Amino acid sequence: MKGEVLLAYFAGLIDGEGYIGAKRRLPTKNNRMQSPKYSVAFFIAMTDRAPVQLLAEFCGSGGAVRSRTRKEGYKTIYEFELENERAATLLQQIQPYIVGHVDQVRLALLLQALRWASPGLKNKSKLPAYYVAQCDEIYEKLKGISPRSGQPGRWRSK
């Protein structure tokens, strides 16, 4: 597969099997943060390894496919996740082809745009209140759409 066909294929995979959201890391005594940190997150889990591997290879070294088995007798699940710039880059590429997760992609890219527009804040432990409020508003909207927001990589059955 090449170019647009591949991007459309990935969009279909993500619409059907993917999660698009955000992570929020809160300050604790151990991490020395003074403000929450936010990141764009993407996650996909399937029992067919080939599509997940193809997506991982397309994204480069941004992550490796993990495998695990939920319970004895169940199929192996193959997982791939990305965060921050790598996740946002993938979302930008597939955005024209997304049908089901349109709002999630839009909000995730809005969060990443806010992060990119504030490069001086990237390594600060204490972030301005206005910035945290904007990030938190986007995070909460994503959380309302994607109930697993903040928890990529923790696949759960219903």
Foldseek 3Di string as FASTA:
>chain_A
DDDPVLLLVVLVQCLVFKAWAKAWDQDDPPPLFPGIDMKTKMKGKDLDVVVVQVVCVVLPVQWDWDWDDPDPPGGIMIMTMGMHPSVLVSLVRNQVNHDRCNVRSVLNNVLNVLCVVCVVCPPDRDDDPVSRVVNVVSRVVSCVVGVCHNPHPDDDDD
